[in-house]
Protein backbone atom coordinates (compact mmCIF):
# COMPACT_ATOMS: atom_id res chain seq x y z
CA MET A 1 120.38 79.71 126.81
CA THR A 2 116.60 79.48 126.95
CA ILE A 3 114.61 82.69 127.10
CA GLN A 4 110.84 82.89 127.13
CA PHE A 5 110.11 86.16 125.36
CA ASP A 6 107.17 88.35 126.31
CA GLN A 7 105.56 89.28 122.99
CA ASN A 8 104.40 92.60 124.48
CA ARG A 9 107.93 93.92 125.01
CA PRO A 10 110.80 94.51 122.58
CA ILE A 11 113.03 91.45 122.33
CA TYR A 12 116.24 93.51 122.42
CA LEU A 13 115.22 94.87 125.85
CA GLN A 14 114.55 91.37 127.12
CA LEU A 15 117.94 90.22 125.84
CA MET A 16 119.57 93.16 127.61
CA GLU A 17 117.84 92.15 130.85
CA TYR A 18 119.01 88.58 130.34
CA PHE A 19 122.65 89.62 129.93
CA TYR A 20 122.39 92.21 132.72
CA GLY A 21 121.06 89.48 135.01
CA LYS A 22 124.04 87.28 134.17
CA ILE A 23 126.39 90.19 134.92
CA CYS A 24 124.61 91.03 138.19
CA ARG A 25 124.83 87.37 139.31
CA PHE A 26 128.52 87.30 138.28
CA GLU A 27 127.85 84.54 135.75
CA LEU A 28 129.49 86.97 133.34
CA GLU A 29 132.35 88.77 135.04
CA ALA A 30 134.33 91.89 134.21
CA GLY A 31 136.29 91.28 131.01
CA ASP A 32 134.35 88.16 129.98
CA LYS A 33 133.57 87.78 126.29
CA LEU A 34 129.91 87.63 125.26
CA PRO A 35 128.88 85.08 122.64
CA SER A 36 129.05 86.44 119.10
CA VAL A 37 125.98 88.10 117.63
CA ARG A 38 125.49 85.10 115.36
CA GLU A 39 125.86 82.56 118.19
CA THR A 40 123.37 84.40 120.39
CA ALA A 41 120.88 84.84 117.54
CA VAL A 42 120.95 81.12 116.71
CA GLU A 43 120.80 80.07 120.37
CA VAL A 44 117.76 82.20 121.27
CA GLY A 45 116.12 82.05 117.85
CA VAL A 46 116.03 85.72 116.94
CA ASN A 47 117.26 87.82 114.05
CA PRO A 48 120.97 88.76 114.29
CA ASN A 49 119.96 92.42 113.86
CA THR A 50 118.05 92.17 117.14
CA VAL A 51 121.12 90.82 118.94
CA SER A 52 123.27 93.48 117.31
CA ARG A 53 120.91 96.17 118.62
CA THR A 54 121.06 94.57 122.07
CA TYR A 55 124.86 94.70 122.09
CA MET A 56 124.90 98.28 120.77
CA GLU A 57 122.49 99.42 123.50
CA MET A 58 124.54 97.69 126.20
CA GLU A 59 127.64 99.38 124.80
CA ARG A 60 125.87 102.75 124.77
CA GLU A 61 125.12 102.19 128.46
CA LYS A 62 128.83 101.36 128.95
CA VAL A 63 128.10 97.91 130.38
CA VAL A 64 129.98 96.18 127.54
CA ILE A 65 132.69 97.24 125.14
CA SER A 66 133.28 96.09 121.59
CA LYS A 67 136.79 95.38 120.40
CA ARG A 68 137.10 95.40 116.64
CA GLY A 69 137.80 91.90 115.36
CA GLN A 70 137.70 90.38 118.85
CA GLY A 71 134.09 90.63 120.00
CA THR A 72 132.05 92.18 122.78
CA PHE A 73 133.22 92.07 126.39
CA VAL A 74 131.78 92.93 129.79
CA THR A 75 133.27 96.21 130.98
CA GLU A 76 136.17 95.98 133.38
CA ASP A 77 134.87 99.11 135.14
CA GLN A 78 133.75 97.65 138.48
CA GLN A 79 131.95 100.88 139.38
CA MET A 80 129.80 100.52 136.24
CA ILE A 81 128.97 96.92 137.19
CA ASN A 82 128.07 98.01 140.72
CA GLU A 83 125.82 100.74 139.30
CA LEU A 84 124.14 98.19 137.02
CA ARG A 85 123.50 95.89 139.98
CA GLU A 86 122.05 98.78 141.99
CA ARG A 87 119.82 99.97 139.10
CA THR A 88 118.58 96.44 138.57
CA ALA A 89 117.81 95.98 142.26
CA GLU A 90 116.01 99.34 142.44
CA LYS A 91 113.87 98.42 139.44
CA HIS A 92 112.76 95.16 141.07
CA ILE A 93 112.20 96.81 144.44
CA ASP A 94 110.08 99.56 142.84
CA ALA A 95 107.93 96.96 141.06
CA PHE A 96 107.53 94.94 144.26
CA LEU A 97 106.64 97.98 146.38
CA THR A 98 104.14 99.23 143.81
CA VAL A 99 102.29 95.89 143.90
CA MET A 100 102.39 95.71 147.69
CA ILE A 101 101.03 99.25 148.10
CA GLN A 102 98.35 98.61 145.47
CA ASN A 103 97.33 95.56 147.51
CA GLY A 104 96.88 97.68 150.62
CA PHE A 105 100.01 96.85 152.59
CA ASN A 106 101.54 99.63 154.66
CA GLU A 107 105.26 100.17 155.25
CA GLU A 108 105.32 98.26 158.54
CA GLU A 109 103.53 95.24 157.04
CA ILE A 110 105.86 95.23 154.04
CA MET A 111 108.95 95.33 156.25
CA GLU A 112 107.60 92.49 158.45
CA LEU A 113 106.91 90.33 155.41
CA ILE A 114 110.37 91.02 153.97
CA GLN A 115 112.07 90.15 157.26
CA LYS A 116 109.99 86.97 157.58
CA GLN A 117 110.92 85.85 154.04
CA LEU A 118 114.59 86.67 154.59
CA ARG A 119 114.61 84.49 157.73
CA ILE A 120 113.03 81.64 155.75
CA ILE A 121 115.44 82.00 152.84
CA ASN A 122 118.47 82.23 155.15
CA LYS A 123 117.38 78.98 156.79
CA GLY A 124 117.42 77.42 153.33
CA GLY A 125 113.79 76.53 153.13
CA ARG A 126 110.26 77.67 152.60
CA GLU A 127 107.61 78.09 155.23
CA ASN A 128 104.95 75.35 155.30
CA GLU A 129 107.19 72.77 153.62
């Protein structure tokens, strides 16, 4: 697990995004066990307290559950996972749209560009390759 941390943002938030990404991509599925706090801390090179805070925040958001003596697991609540995926997508879409609007694109231009890129991606390639 290699994570390039942005020094301008809290590490625990970046770790949450990392794990949320794995859940959204189904690399971690409902009921899967997360690595222990110690394992994660060693693997990414951060203080175990940071990882512990990450896991506590994810539990507070009901994305994971802790089982005493067993570890931390991805929730089995599929609705919660679907909500996480939707929230994550909305966050990325909002960031994308903000940049596009700031760069002077209107709604029609944005939609045309999205459709063009989707066609390229669905063909399995990149334009101008």
